[in-house]
Amino acid sequence: MLHKVSLDQLFVLDIETVPCVGCHDELNDMLRLLWEHKCHALRREKGWHSSAADVTEMPDHLHPSSLFEQAGIYAEFGKVVCISVGCFFFDKEEERWRFRVKSFADHDEKTMLRDFAALLARKPNYLLCAHNGKEFDFPYLGRRLLINGLQLPPQLDVAGKKPWEINHLDTMELWKFGDRKSFTSLALLAAMFGIPTPKDDISGADVARVYYNEKDLPRIVHYCQKDIITTARVLQKFRGDEPFGDEAVVYADEVAAVMRRV
């Protein structure tokens, strides 16, 4: 089935998200109240149940200000700071697949999303591929586009479509083989397939700190790019292909207007 998918008609992507503001105290009154409501559900998920008669003191890690560290994973309370996109192309001279990488990163989320959506709109027939994309990246992007008053590109305009009419690829879903009970990280899949991954100096849990405290967006971009390269290699393994090597990766900032030719 995967061999019917043209690699050169595919965008592999990953996003990095952070809370919408640097700390809980910076939320406006309405969002602070709504975050309090959200925290009730988060506490229940963590096994904390309270009632009017309960006098047990709430643990510090369950207070709204502490839970706000997780806000970046919710499109209503977070924002996108980086989108990395990759695409395969066949090098006829070298007779092998290569992989182009471009990142959209900006403190102005609306500008970044507009540029990203424009890329997708230019290639409406391209499919999207991500790890856990169907449950995170794709819906998150769609929601943030709408929140910013932007038009959905064809790939994310899925209202009214049946599940089998949405052909995007998700490497985590492919690994499940119908099993809905487990989450498998991209790092674990890479290890299972023998795909080398560099030791990252940050993880997804560090992104908000690096963004707000260290103000190091380029570091986040570098981390995000490594994820799409790994996702693309995992996809090749699912197809039974040999993954491309590091020398086959082309970065957009090294080749003029490379993504405009995609």
Protein backbone atom coordinates (compact mmCIF):
# COMPACT_ATOMS: atom_id res chain seq x y z
CA MET A 1 0.00 0.00 0.00
CA LEU A 2 2.75 2.47 0.92
CA HIS A 3 4.49 1.81 -2.38
CA LYS A 4 1.48 3.37 -4.10
CA VAL A 5 2.34 6.66 -2.39
CA SER A 6 4.75 8.76 -4.44
CA LEU A 7 7.51 9.95 -2.15
CA ASP A 8 7.92 13.09 -4.23
CA GLN A 9 4.25 13.97 -3.64
CA LEU A 10 4.62 14.13 0.12
CA PHE A 11 5.39 16.74 2.76
CA VAL A 12 6.95 15.34 5.94
CA LEU A 13 6.44 17.77 8.80
CA ASP A 14 6.84 18.37 12.51
CA ILE A 15 5.82 21.28 14.71
CA GLU A 16 7.14 22.70 17.95
CA THR A 17 4.68 24.40 20.27
CA VAL A 18 4.86 26.42 23.48
CA PRO A 19 2.32 27.95 25.90
CA CYS A 20 0.75 31.12 24.48
CA VAL A 21 2.52 33.23 27.14
CA GLY A 22 5.63 32.75 29.23
CA CYS A 23 3.87 31.97 32.51
CA HIS A 24 0.42 31.49 34.00
CA ASP A 25 0.35 34.98 35.52
CA GLU A 26 0.54 36.56 32.06
CA LEU A 27 -2.80 35.09 30.95
CA ASN A 28 -5.67 37.53 30.62
CA ASP A 29 -8.58 37.13 33.05
CA MET A 30 -10.76 35.12 30.67
CA LEU A 31 -8.03 32.69 29.63
CA ARG A 32 -6.93 32.29 33.24
CA LEU A 33 -10.46 31.27 34.21
CA LEU A 34 -10.74 28.89 31.28
CA TRP A 35 -7.37 27.36 32.14
CA GLU A 36 -8.66 26.74 35.67
CA HIS A 37 -11.52 24.73 34.15
CA LYS A 38 -9.06 22.82 31.98
CA CYS A 39 -7.00 22.00 35.06
CA HIS A 40 -9.94 20.19 36.66
CA ALA A 41 -9.86 17.66 33.81
CA LEU A 42 -6.07 17.41 33.91
CA ARG A 43 -6.13 16.63 37.62
CA ARG A 44 -8.69 13.88 37.11
CA GLU A 45 -6.47 12.37 34.42
CA LYS A 46 -3.63 12.33 36.95
CA GLY A 47 -5.84 10.57 39.52
CA TRP A 48 -6.58 13.58 41.72
CA HIS A 49 -10.21 13.81 42.81
CA SER A 50 -11.42 16.47 45.22
CA SER A 51 -14.74 17.43 46.75
CA ALA A 52 -16.11 20.12 49.04
CA ALA A 53 -15.50 17.82 52.02
CA ASP A 54 -11.93 17.03 50.96
CA VAL A 55 -9.40 18.93 53.07
CA THR A 56 -6.31 17.31 51.55
CA GLU A 57 -3.92 19.95 50.32
CA MET A 58 -3.43 19.95 46.58
CA PRO A 59 0.11 18.97 45.52
CA ASP A 60 2.15 21.82 44.05
CA HIS A 61 2.50 20.12 40.67
CA LEU A 62 -1.30 20.17 40.23
CA HIS A 63 -1.73 23.90 40.73
CA PRO A 64 -2.77 25.84 37.60
CA SER A 65 0.55 27.66 37.44
CA SER A 66 2.47 24.36 37.49
CA LEU A 67 0.16 22.63 35.02
CA PHE A 68 0.55 25.59 32.67
CA GLU A 69 3.88 24.11 31.62
CA GLN A 70 1.76 21.62 29.63
CA ALA A 71 -0.34 24.32 27.95
CA GLY A 72 1.69 24.20 24.76
CA ILE A 73 0.14 20.89 23.70
CA TYR A 74 -3.34 22.45 23.59
CA ALA A 75 -4.07 24.66 20.58
CA GLU A 76 -6.41 26.83 22.66
CA PHE A 77 -3.66 27.71 25.16
CA GLY A 78 -0.52 27.33 23.07
CA LYS A 79 1.05 28.51 19.84
CA VAL A 80 3.34 27.20 17.12
CA VAL A 81 6.90 28.53 17.05
CA CYS A 82 8.41 26.26 14.40
CA ILE A 83 7.20 24.13 11.50
CA SER A 84 9.78 22.02 9.71
CA VAL A 85 8.83 20.60 6.32
CA GLY A 86 10.71 18.08 4.22
CA CYS A 87 10.16 16.60 0.79
CA PHE A 88 11.78 13.80 -1.17
CA PHE A 89 13.20 14.34 -4.63
CA PHE A 90 15.01 11.90 -6.89
CA ASP A 91 18.48 12.96 -7.94
CA LYS A 92 18.76 11.65 -11.51
CA GLU A 93 22.50 12.23 -11.72
CA GLU A 94 23.24 10.27 -8.56
CA GLU A 95 20.24 7.94 -9.01
CA ARG A 96 19.09 8.16 -5.42
CA TRP A 97 16.51 9.86 -3.24
CA ARG A 98 17.45 13.07 -1.51
CA PHE A 99 15.53 15.06 1.09
CA ARG A 100 14.98 18.83 1.18
CA VAL A 101 14.38 20.50 4.53
CA LYS A 102 12.90 23.91 5.23
CA SER A 103 11.73 25.44 8.49
CA PHE A 104 9.21 28.17 9.17
CA ALA A 105 10.03 29.82 12.49
CA ASP A 106 8.90 33.20 13.75
CA HIS A 107 7.84 34.88 16.97
CA ASP A 108 4.90 36.18 14.93
CA GLU A 109 2.82 33.02 14.66
CA LYS A 110 0.39 34.46 12.11
CA THR A 111 3.16 35.36 9.67
CA MET A 112 4.72 31.92 10.03
CA LEU A 113 1.42 30.09 9.55
CA ARG A 114 0.55 32.21 6.52
CA ASP A 115 3.84 31.32 4.84
CA PHE A 116 3.42 27.64 5.67
CA ALA A 117 -0.17 27.56 4.40
CA ALA A 118 0.94 29.22 1.16
CA LEU A 119 3.42 26.39 0.57
CA LEU A 120 0.71 23.76 1.04
CA ALA A 121 -1.74 25.68 -1.14
CA ARG A 122 0.74 25.64 -4.03
CA LYS A 123 0.76 21.83 -3.91
CA PRO A 124 -2.85 20.83 -3.08
CA ASN A 125 -2.32 17.20 -4.11
CA TYR A 126 0.60 16.61 -1.77
CA LEU A 127 -0.09 14.37 1.22
CA LEU A 128 1.15 15.16 4.71
CA CYS A 129 3.20 12.80 6.88
CA ALA A 130 4.15 13.18 10.54
CA HIS A 131 4.71 11.07 13.64
CA ASN A 132 1.47 11.20 15.65
CA GLY A 133 0.36 13.79 13.11
CA LYS A 134 -3.28 12.74 13.02
CA GLU A 135 -3.72 13.31 16.75
CA PHE A 136 -1.40 16.29 17.18
CA ASP A 137 0.36 18.13 14.35
CA PHE A 138 -2.44 18.23 11.78
CA PRO A 139 -5.35 19.24 14.06
CA TYR A 140 -3.13 21.65 16.01
CA LEU A 141 -2.11 23.45 12.81
CA GLY A 142 -5.71 23.61 11.61
CA ARG A 143 -6.91 25.11 14.88
CA ARG A 144 -4.11 27.68 15.07
CA LEU A 145 -4.72 28.72 11.46
CA LEU A 146 -8.37 29.41 12.26
CA ILE A 147 -7.55 31.18 15.53
CA ASN A 148 -5.24 33.47 13.55
CA GLY A 149 -7.96 34.17 10.99
CA LEU A 150 -6.19 32.34 8.16
CA GLN A 151 -7.67 30.14 5.47
CA LEU A 152 -7.06 26.42 5.74
CA PRO A 153 -4.90 24.94 2.97
CA PRO A 154 -6.50 22.02 1.09
CA GLN A 155 -4.63 19.37 3.08
CA LEU A 156 -6.04 20.61 6.39
CA ASP A 157 -9.55 21.48 5.21
CA VAL A 158 -11.06 18.16 6.27
CA ALA A 159 -14.49 19.22 7.58
CA GLY A 160 -17.15 16.77 6.42
CA LYS A 161 -14.65 14.20 5.18
CA LYS A 162 -14.85 10.61 6.34
CA PRO A 163 -11.75 9.15 8.03
CA TRP A 164 -10.90 7.00 5.02
CA GLU A 165 -11.06 10.04 2.75
CA ILE A 166 -8.16 11.67 4.61
CA ASN A 167 -5.03 10.10 3.16
CA HIS A 168 -2.36 11.68 5.33
CA LEU A 169 0.31 9.35 6.69
CA ASP A 170 1.15 8.93 10.35
CA THR A 171 4.19 6.80 11.19
CA MET A 172 2.89 6.12 14.69
CA GLU A 173 -0.44 4.91 13.30
CA LEU A 174 1.35 2.71 10.75
CA TRP A 175 3.26 1.07 13.59
CA LYS A 176 0.09 0.32 15.56
CA PHE A 177 -1.28 -2.20 13.02
CA GLY A 178 -4.76 -1.47 14.39
CA ASP A 179 -3.70 -1.53 18.06
CA ARG A 180 -5.13 1.60 19.72
CA LYS A 181 -3.76 1.09 23.21
CA SER A 182 -0.21 2.34 23.00
CA PHE A 183 1.96 5.34 22.16
CA THR A 184 5.29 4.66 20.48
CA SER A 185 7.79 7.50 20.38
CA LEU A 186 9.69 8.42 17.24
CA ALA A 187 12.96 7.77 19.08
CA LEU A 188 11.87 4.21 19.91
CA LEU A 189 10.84 3.51 16.32
CA ALA A 190 14.17 4.82 15.08
CA ALA A 191 15.97 2.53 17.53
CA MET A 192 13.93 -0.49 16.41
CA PHE A 193 14.82 0.17 12.77
CA GLY A 194 18.47 0.89 13.49
CA ILE A 195 18.16 4.49 12.34
CA PRO A 196 20.90 6.56 13.97
CA THR A 197 19.69 9.66 15.76
CA PRO A 198 22.04 12.26 17.26
CA LYS A 199 21.93 12.79 21.01
CA ASP A 200 19.70 15.83 21.35
CA ASP A 201 20.61 18.51 23.81
CA ILE A 202 16.90 19.23 24.25
CA SER A 203 13.65 17.27 24.18
CA GLY A 204 10.07 18.28 23.53
CA ALA A 205 9.66 19.04 27.24
CA ASP A 206 12.45 21.63 27.01
CA VAL A 207 11.07 23.64 24.09
CA ALA A 208 9.08 26.14 26.16
CA ARG A 209 12.04 26.80 28.46
CA VAL A 210 14.41 27.26 25.54
CA TYR A 211 11.93 29.59 23.84
CA TYR A 212 10.89 31.80 26.75
CA ASN A 213 13.88 31.66 29.09
CA GLU A 214 16.83 31.19 26.76
CA LYS A 215 15.17 32.88 23.76
CA ASP A 216 16.96 30.47 21.45
CA LEU A 217 14.59 29.82 18.56
CA PRO A 218 17.37 28.55 16.21
CA ARG A 219 18.08 25.76 18.68
CA ILE A 220 14.43 24.73 18.53
CA VAL A 221 14.52 24.82 14.72
CA HIS A 222 17.53 22.49 14.68
CA TYR A 223 15.76 20.05 17.01
CA CYS A 224 12.60 20.15 14.87
CA GLN A 225 14.52 19.51 11.65
CA LYS A 226 16.11 16.38 13.08
CA ASP A 227 12.65 15.02 13.83
CA ILE A 228 11.40 15.29 10.24
CA ILE A 229 14.59 13.69 8.93
CA THR A 230 14.05 10.77 11.32
CA THR A 231 10.34 10.55 10.39
CA ALA A 232 11.22 10.41 6.70
CA ARG A 233 13.72 7.62 7.30
CA VAL A 234 11.19 5.64 9.36
CA LEU A 235 8.70 5.99 6.51
CA GLN A 236 11.27 4.56 4.11
CA LYS A 237 11.73 1.60 6.44
CA PHE A 238 7.97 0.99 6.40
CA ARG A 239 8.23 0.81 2.60
CA GLY A 240 11.12 -1.63 2.80
CA ASP A 241 13.54 0.95 1.39
CA GLU A 242 17.01 1.85 2.58
CA PRO A 243 16.88 5.25 4.34
CA PHE A 244 18.82 8.14 2.85
CA GLY A 245 22.08 9.17 4.53
CA ASP A 246 23.08 12.48 6.04
CA GLU A 247 24.82 13.47 2.82
CA ALA A 248 21.47 13.29 1.00
CA VAL A 249 19.88 16.04 3.12
CA VAL A 250 19.61 19.48 1.52
CA TYR A 251 18.74 22.45 3.73
CA ALA A 252 16.75 25.29 2.18
CA ASP A 253 19.02 27.96 3.61
CA GLU A 254 21.90 26.39 1.67
CA VAL A 255 20.14 26.36 -1.70
CA ALA A 256 18.43 29.48 -3.03
CA ALA A 257 14.64 29.25 -3.25
CA VAL A 258 14.75 25.48 -3.01
CA MET A 259 11.23 25.07 -1.62
CA ARG A 260 9.76 27.29 -4.33
CA ARG A 261 10.62 24.51 -6.76
CA VAL A 262 8.80 21.88 -4.72
